[in-house]
C-alpha cells in the first residue's frame, strides 16, 4: 500500500466515527416519534395537599427585650440614644396695656438716675425708672427723645406731646 492509500483509510475511519457520533446525538436530542401517541392521553391530575396548620410560638414577655433596648443594634457604639430635653413650657401670653391712655409729663435725668413722669388719664402721676414694668410694658431707657418701652415683640417710644399754639401773631 501506498502512503496515500493509508491516508484514505484513516479518513474513512474518521468519517465513520463522526457518523456514529452524529447518530448518537440525533438519538439523544430528537424525541421519538412514538412519543406523539402520548399526546392523546389525559395528563395526570396533580395532588395538592393542604399545608400543615401553623402553630405560633408564644410571645416572650416585654421585659425580655430590655437587653436589646439597653444596647441598640443600629447604633455604632451600642449605647442608647440620648434622652431628648423636655419640651419647654409655653410662655404665658403677655397682655399689654393700652398706651393711648398714658402721656409722658416729663423726664428727670442726672449722672446717677433717670426718671420718667407718666400719667394715666384721670389717675395720679407714676414715677418710673429703667427696668420698671407697668401694664405689661418694660421701661428700656429714658433720654431726650422720650421713654423707650418694650413689651413682647413690640417697641414704642412715649414722647412729651408738642403744644399746638393757635394764637395769631401780632
Protein backbone atom coordinates (compact mmCIF):
# COMPACT_ATOMS: atom_id res chain seq x y z
CA UNK A 1 0.00 0.00 0.00
CA UNK A 2 1.00 3.45 -0.71
CA UNK A 3 1.15 6.15 1.88
CA UNK A 4 -1.78 7.84 0.15
CA UNK A 5 -3.88 4.67 0.41
CA UNK A 6 -3.37 4.52 4.15
CA UNK A 7 -4.44 8.11 4.39
CA UNK A 8 -7.74 7.38 2.76
CA UNK A 9 -8.31 4.51 5.24
CA UNK A 10 -7.72 6.93 8.13
CA UNK A 11 -10.15 9.32 6.55
CA UNK A 12 -12.72 6.59 6.18
CA UNK A 13 -12.35 5.63 9.83
CA UNK A 14 -12.63 9.26 10.99
CA UNK A 15 -15.72 9.72 8.87
CA UNK A 16 -17.23 6.53 10.39
CA UNK A 17 -16.54 7.71 13.95
CA UNK A 18 -18.07 11.12 13.14
CA UNK A 19 -21.15 9.44 11.63
CA UNK A 20 -21.62 7.24 14.70
CA UNK A 21 -21.28 10.34 16.98
CA UNK A 22 -23.81 12.28 14.90
CA UNK A 23 -26.27 9.36 15.03
CA UNK A 24 -25.87 9.15 18.84
CA UNK A 25 -26.52 12.89 19.13
CA UNK A 26 -29.65 12.66 16.99
CA UNK A 27 -30.98 9.80 19.10
CA UNK A 28 -30.22 11.68 22.32
CA UNK A 29 -31.79 15.05 21.44
CA UNK A 30 -34.58 14.34 18.95
CA UNK A 31 -37.75 12.93 20.57
CA UNK A 32 -39.02 9.61 19.43
CA UNK A 33 -41.97 9.66 17.01
CA UNK A 34 -43.64 7.14 19.30
CA UNK A 35 -43.96 9.90 21.93
CA UNK A 36 -46.59 11.53 19.70
CA UNK A 37 -49.05 8.84 20.78
CA UNK A 38 -48.82 10.13 24.37
CA UNK A 39 -50.37 13.44 23.31
CA UNK A 40 -53.82 11.87 23.25
CA UNK A 41 -53.63 10.65 26.86
CA UNK A 42 -55.09 12.73 29.66
CA UNK A 43 -52.46 14.47 31.74
CA UNK A 44 -52.20 13.23 35.30
CA UNK A 45 -54.04 15.37 37.87
CA UNK A 46 -51.57 16.69 40.43
CA UNK A 47 -52.44 16.00 44.03
CA UNK A 48 -52.46 19.19 46.12
CA UNK A 49 -52.08 18.70 49.81
CA UNK A 50 -53.11 21.36 52.32
CA UNK A 51 -50.22 22.82 54.26
CA UNK A 52 -49.99 21.85 57.89
CA UNK A 53 -51.65 24.21 60.38
CA UNK A 54 -49.37 26.89 61.71
CA UNK A 55 -48.62 26.91 65.38
CA UNK A 56 -47.15 30.18 66.56
CA UNK A 57 -44.73 30.26 69.42
CA UNK A 58 -45.91 32.26 72.43
CA UNK A 59 -44.66 35.85 72.62
CA UNK A 60 -41.96 36.33 75.25
CA UNK A 61 -42.66 38.87 77.99
CA UNK A 62 -41.83 42.50 77.20
CA UNK A 63 -39.10 42.54 79.85
CA UNK A 64 -37.13 40.05 77.73
CA UNK A 65 -36.41 42.85 75.24
CA UNK A 66 -34.85 45.20 77.83
CA UNK A 67 -31.38 43.88 76.95
CA UNK A 68 -31.86 44.91 73.32
CA UNK A 69 -33.13 48.33 74.32
CA UNK A 70 -30.10 48.82 76.57
CA UNK A 71 -27.70 48.07 73.67
CA UNK A 72 -29.38 49.14 70.40
CA UNK A 73 -28.33 47.17 67.35
CA UNK A 74 -28.21 50.09 64.94
CA UNK A 75 -26.02 52.45 66.99
CA UNK A 76 -22.33 52.15 66.19
CA UNK A 77 -21.25 52.29 69.84
CA UNK A 78 -24.25 50.18 71.00
CA UNK A 79 -25.16 52.87 73.54
CA UNK A 80 -28.77 54.06 73.89
CA UNK A 81 -29.84 57.27 72.21
CA UNK A 82 -29.57 60.33 74.47
CA UNK A 83 -32.78 61.38 76.16
CA UNK A 84 -34.16 64.49 74.45
CA UNK A 85 -34.63 67.52 76.70
CA UNK A 86 -38.16 68.03 77.96
CA UNK A 87 -40.21 70.45 75.88
CA UNK A 88 -40.25 74.00 77.09
CA UNK A 89 -43.36 75.11 78.86
CA UNK A 90 -45.37 77.51 76.76
CA UNK A 91 -44.74 81.09 77.74
CA UNK A 92 -47.78 82.89 79.02
CA UNK A 93 -49.19 85.42 76.64
CA UNK A 94 -48.14 88.92 77.56
CA UNK A 95 -51.09 91.21 77.99
CA UNK A 96 -50.03 94.76 77.22
CA UNK A 97 -51.93 97.77 78.47
CA UNK A 98 -53.32 100.48 76.22
CA UNK A 99 -50.67 103.22 75.86
CA UNK A 100 -53.12 105.76 74.44
CA UNK A 101 -54.37 106.35 77.99
CA UNK A 102 -50.88 107.38 79.15
CA UNK A 103 -48.94 110.55 78.50
CA UNK A 104 -45.37 111.44 79.34
CA UNK A 105 -45.39 114.51 81.56
CA UNK A 106 -41.61 114.86 81.89
CA UNK A 107 -38.22 113.26 82.42
CA UNK A 108 -35.66 113.84 85.16
CA UNK A 109 -32.11 112.76 84.47
CA UNK A 110 -28.75 113.24 86.11
CA UNK A 111 -25.49 111.26 86.14
CA UNK A 112 -26.83 108.61 88.52
CA UNK A 113 -30.56 108.46 87.97
CA UNK A 114 -33.17 108.55 85.19
CA UNK A 115 -36.85 109.02 85.97
CA UNK A 116 -39.93 109.38 83.80
CA UNK A 117 -43.14 111.01 84.98
CA UNK A 118 -46.08 109.27 83.30
CA UNK A 119 -49.73 109.97 83.98
CA UNK A 120 -52.78 107.93 83.08
CA UNK A 121 -55.87 109.92 82.12
CA UNK A 122 -57.76 110.70 85.33
CA UNK A 123 -55.19 108.99 87.62
CA UNK A 124 -52.22 110.04 89.70
CA UNK A 125 -48.68 110.52 88.39
CA UNK A 126 -46.37 107.47 88.11
CA UNK A 127 -42.60 107.76 88.61
CA UNK A 128 -40.81 105.12 86.53
CA UNK A 129 -37.14 104.20 86.07
CA UNK A 130 -35.40 101.84 83.54
CA UNK A 131 -36.32 98.21 84.24
CA UNK A 132 -39.71 99.03 85.79
CA UNK A 133 -42.79 97.26 84.41
CA UNK A 134 -46.23 98.85 84.08
CA UNK A 135 -49.27 97.44 82.31
CA UNK A 136 -47.05 94.66 80.81
CA UNK A 137 -44.62 97.18 79.25
CA UNK A 138 -40.95 97.38 80.37
CA UNK A 139 -39.05 100.69 80.54
CA UNK A 140 -35.89 100.24 78.42
CA UNK A 141 -34.30 103.69 78.54
CA UNK A 142 -35.08 107.32 79.24
CA UNK A 143 -33.47 110.06 77.14
CA UNK A 144 -34.17 113.43 75.47
CA UNK A 145 -36.46 111.86 72.86
CA UNK A 146 -38.72 110.25 75.45
CA UNK A 147 -39.16 106.89 77.13
CA UNK A 148 -38.34 103.74 75.11
CA UNK A 149 -40.57 100.86 76.20
CA UNK A 150 -40.97 97.28 75.03
CA UNK A 151 -43.48 94.52 75.56
CA UNK A 152 -43.46 91.09 73.92
CA UNK A 153 -42.04 91.74 70.44
CA UNK A 154 -43.24 95.36 70.28
CA UNK A 155 -41.22 98.51 70.91
CA UNK A 156 -42.58 102.05 71.29
CA UNK A 157 -41.50 105.46 72.46
CA UNK A 158 -43.56 107.66 74.76
CA UNK A 159 -42.72 111.28 73.98
CA UNK A 160 -43.81 114.54 75.54
CA UNK A 161 -46.59 115.89 73.33
CA UNK A 162 -45.85 119.11 71.50
CA UNK A 163 -48.10 122.06 72.25
CA UNK A 164 -50.20 123.48 69.42
CA UNK A 165 -50.15 127.26 69.55
CA UNK A 166 -53.06 128.56 67.57
CA UNK A 167 -52.73 132.14 68.68
CA UNK A 168 -52.22 134.64 65.93
CA UNK A 169 -49.00 136.54 65.92
CA UNK A 170 -49.37 140.36 66.32
